[in-house]
Amino acid sequence: MKMLILGFAALLATGSAFADTPPQAPVIHDKTGFFVHMDVAKVLSTTDLSQQCGIIPARLDYLDHAGQEHVLDYQVEGSGCINDN
């Protein structure tokens, strides 16, 4: 009897581990170009430019007003150059 209860409890525990979870929406990678329309509600992260010099790749992760996560990859000049005028 104890084995039956133990087996049933184990079945319930493994069943909850494989329960359906709502699929997450994929991250949208915005296209780079001369003009990119961005609907930014919240900035999640940006590339740190303070110690970089020259033209470097940068990344902006943000949420739009619908809650969808976006990623924008772009080129920018770093602000850590010592001999800048």
C-alpha atoms as a PDB file:
ATOM      1  CA  MET A   1       0.000   0.000   0.000  1.00  0.00           C
ATOM      2  CA  LYS A   2       2.858   2.359   0.837  1.00  0.00           C
ATOM      3  CA  MET A   3       4.482   1.573  -2.517  1.00  0.00           C
ATOM      4  CA  LEU A   4       1.234   2.455  -4.316  1.00  0.00           C
ATOM      5  CA  ILE A   5       0.982   5.812  -2.546  1.00  0.00           C
ATOM      6  CA  LEU A   6       4.678   6.496  -3.118  1.00  0.00           C
ATOM      7  CA  GLY A   7       4.371   5.603  -6.800  1.00  0.00           C
ATOM      8  CA  PHE A   8       1.303   7.832  -7.206  1.00  0.00           C
ATOM      9  CA  ALA A   9       3.100  10.748  -5.522  1.00  0.00           C
ATOM     10  CA  ALA A  10       6.100  10.266  -7.811  1.00  0.00           C
ATOM     11  CA  LEU A  11       3.794  10.221 -10.838  1.00  0.00           C
ATOM     12  CA  LEU A  12       2.203  13.501  -9.771  1.00  0.00           C
ATOM     13  CA  ALA A  13       5.599  15.097  -9.169  1.00  0.00           C
ATOM     14  CA  THR A  14       6.935  14.156 -12.606  1.00  0.00           C
ATOM     15  CA  GLY A  15       3.680  15.145 -14.276  1.00  0.00           C
ATOM     16  CA  SER A  16       3.936  18.677 -12.937  1.00  0.00           C
ATOM     17  CA  ALA A  17       7.526  18.930 -14.156  1.00  0.00           C
ATOM     18  CA  PHE A  18       6.388  18.237 -17.734  1.00  0.00           C
ATOM     19  CA  ALA A  19       3.287  20.428 -17.577  1.00  0.00           C
ATOM     20  CA  ASP A  20       2.689  22.760 -20.474  1.00  0.00           C
ATOM     21  CA  THR A  21       4.228  26.167 -20.015  1.00  0.00           C
ATOM     22  CA  PRO A  22       3.220  29.066 -22.210  1.00  0.00           C
ATOM     23  CA  PRO A  23       5.745  29.511 -25.013  1.00  0.00           C
ATOM     24  CA  GLN A  24       7.803  32.673 -24.811  1.00  0.00           C
ATOM     25  CA  ALA A  25       7.633  35.004 -27.753  1.00  0.00           C
ATOM     26  CA  PRO A  26      10.854  35.021 -29.752  1.00  0.00           C
ATOM     27  CA  VAL A  27      13.184  37.999 -29.500  1.00  0.00           C
ATOM     28  CA  ILE A  28      12.901  40.323 -32.494  1.00  0.00           C
ATOM     29  CA  HIS A  29      16.221  41.316 -34.065  1.00  0.00           C
ATOM     30  CA  ASP A  30      15.698  44.752 -35.598  1.00  0.00           C
ATOM     31  CA  LYS A  31      17.261  45.416 -38.979  1.00  0.00           C
ATOM     32  CA  THR A  32      20.087  47.896 -39.112  1.00  0.00           C
ATOM     33  CA  GLY A  33      20.025  50.684 -41.634  1.00  0.00           C
ATOM     34  CA  PHE A  34      19.943  54.422 -42.047  1.00  0.00           C
ATOM     35  CA  PHE A  35      16.668  54.738 -40.140  1.00  0.00           C
ATOM     36  CA  VAL A  36      15.188  52.180 -37.779  1.00  0.00           C
ATOM     37  CA  HIS A  37      11.753  52.879 -36.273  1.00  0.00           C
ATOM     38  CA  MET A  38      11.968  51.938 -32.609  1.00  0.00           C
ATOM     39  CA  ASP A  39       9.076  51.678 -30.168  1.00  0.00           C
ATOM     40  CA  VAL A  40      10.993  51.713 -26.867  1.00  0.00           C
ATOM     41  CA  ALA A  41       9.042  51.375 -23.638  1.00  0.00           C
ATOM     42  CA  LYS A  42      11.896  50.103 -21.445  1.00  0.00           C
ATOM     43  CA  VAL A  43      15.633  49.671 -22.043  1.00  0.00           C
ATOM     44  CA  LEU A  44      16.857  46.319 -20.726  1.00  0.00           C
ATOM     45  CA  SER A  45      20.581  46.672 -21.435  1.00  0.00           C
ATOM     46  CA  THR A  46      23.118  48.528 -23.563  1.00  0.00           C
ATOM     47  CA  THR A  47      26.768  48.061 -24.460  1.00  0.00           C
ATOM     48  CA  ASP A  48      29.236  49.849 -22.159  1.00  0.00           C
ATOM     49  CA  LEU A  49      31.183  52.317 -24.315  1.00  0.00           C
ATOM     50  CA  SER A  50      33.225  54.013 -21.586  1.00  0.00           C
ATOM     51  CA  GLN A  51      36.351  51.844 -22.010  1.00  0.00           C
ATOM     52  CA  GLN A  52      36.160  51.333 -25.798  1.00  0.00           C
ATOM     53  CA  CYS A  53      37.977  53.312 -28.490  1.00  0.00           C
ATOM     54  CA  GLY A  54      37.207  53.539 -32.191  1.00  0.00           C
ATOM     55  CA  ILE A  55      34.217  52.143 -34.074  1.00  0.00           C
ATOM     56  CA  ILE A  56      32.843  49.135 -32.198  1.00  0.00           C
ATOM     57  CA  PRO A  57      29.754  46.928 -32.415  1.00  0.00           C
ATOM     58  CA  ALA A  58      27.091  47.825 -29.858  1.00  0.00           C
ATOM     59  CA  ARG A  59      23.827  46.236 -28.777  1.00  0.00           C
ATOM     60  CA  LEU A  60      20.581  47.595 -27.371  1.00  0.00           C
ATOM     61  CA  ASP A  61      18.059  45.249 -25.725  1.00  0.00           C
ATOM     62  CA  TYR A  62      14.652  46.806 -25.104  1.00  0.00           C
ATOM     63  CA  LEU A  63      10.941  46.151 -24.680  1.00  0.00           C
ATOM     64  CA  ASP A  64       8.329  47.778 -26.891  1.00  0.00           C
ATOM     65  CA  HIS A  65       4.958  49.015 -25.628  1.00  0.00           C
ATOM     66  CA  ALA A  66       3.406  45.593 -26.355  1.00  0.00           C
ATOM     67  CA  GLY A  67       5.955  43.892 -24.066  1.00  0.00           C
ATOM     68  CA  GLN A  68       7.873  42.253 -26.940  1.00  0.00           C
ATOM     69  CA  GLU A  69      11.662  42.067 -26.509  1.00  0.00           C
ATOM     70  CA  HIS A  70      13.819  43.571 -29.289  1.00  0.00           C
ATOM     71  CA  VAL A  71      17.555  43.511 -30.006  1.00  0.00           C
ATOM     72  CA  LEU A  72      19.268  46.175 -32.101  1.00  0.00           C
ATOM     73  CA  ASP A  73      22.885  45.643 -33.188  1.00  0.00           C
ATOM     74  CA  TYR A  74      24.677  48.716 -34.532  1.00  0.00           C
ATOM     75  CA  GLN A  75      28.083  50.372 -34.889  1.00  0.00           C
ATOM     76  CA  VAL A  76      29.117  53.284 -32.669  1.00  0.00           C
ATOM     77  CA  GLU A  77      32.282  55.173 -31.763  1.00  0.00           C
ATOM     78  CA  GLY A  78      33.514  54.377 -28.274  1.00  0.00           C
ATOM     79  CA  SER A  79      33.872  57.213 -25.792  1.00  0.00           C
ATOM     80  CA  GLY A  80      37.022  55.969 -24.047  1.00  0.00           C
ATOM     81  CA  CYS A  81      39.646  57.238 -26.490  1.00  0.00           C
ATOM     82  CA  ILE A  82      42.493  59.002 -24.654  1.00  0.00           C
ATOM     83  CA  ASN A  83      43.610  61.317 -27.483  1.00  0.00           C
ATOM     84  CA  ASP A  84      40.160  62.612 -28.468  1.00  0.00           C
ATOM     85  CA  ASN A  85      39.864  66.350 -29.004  1.00  0.00           C
END
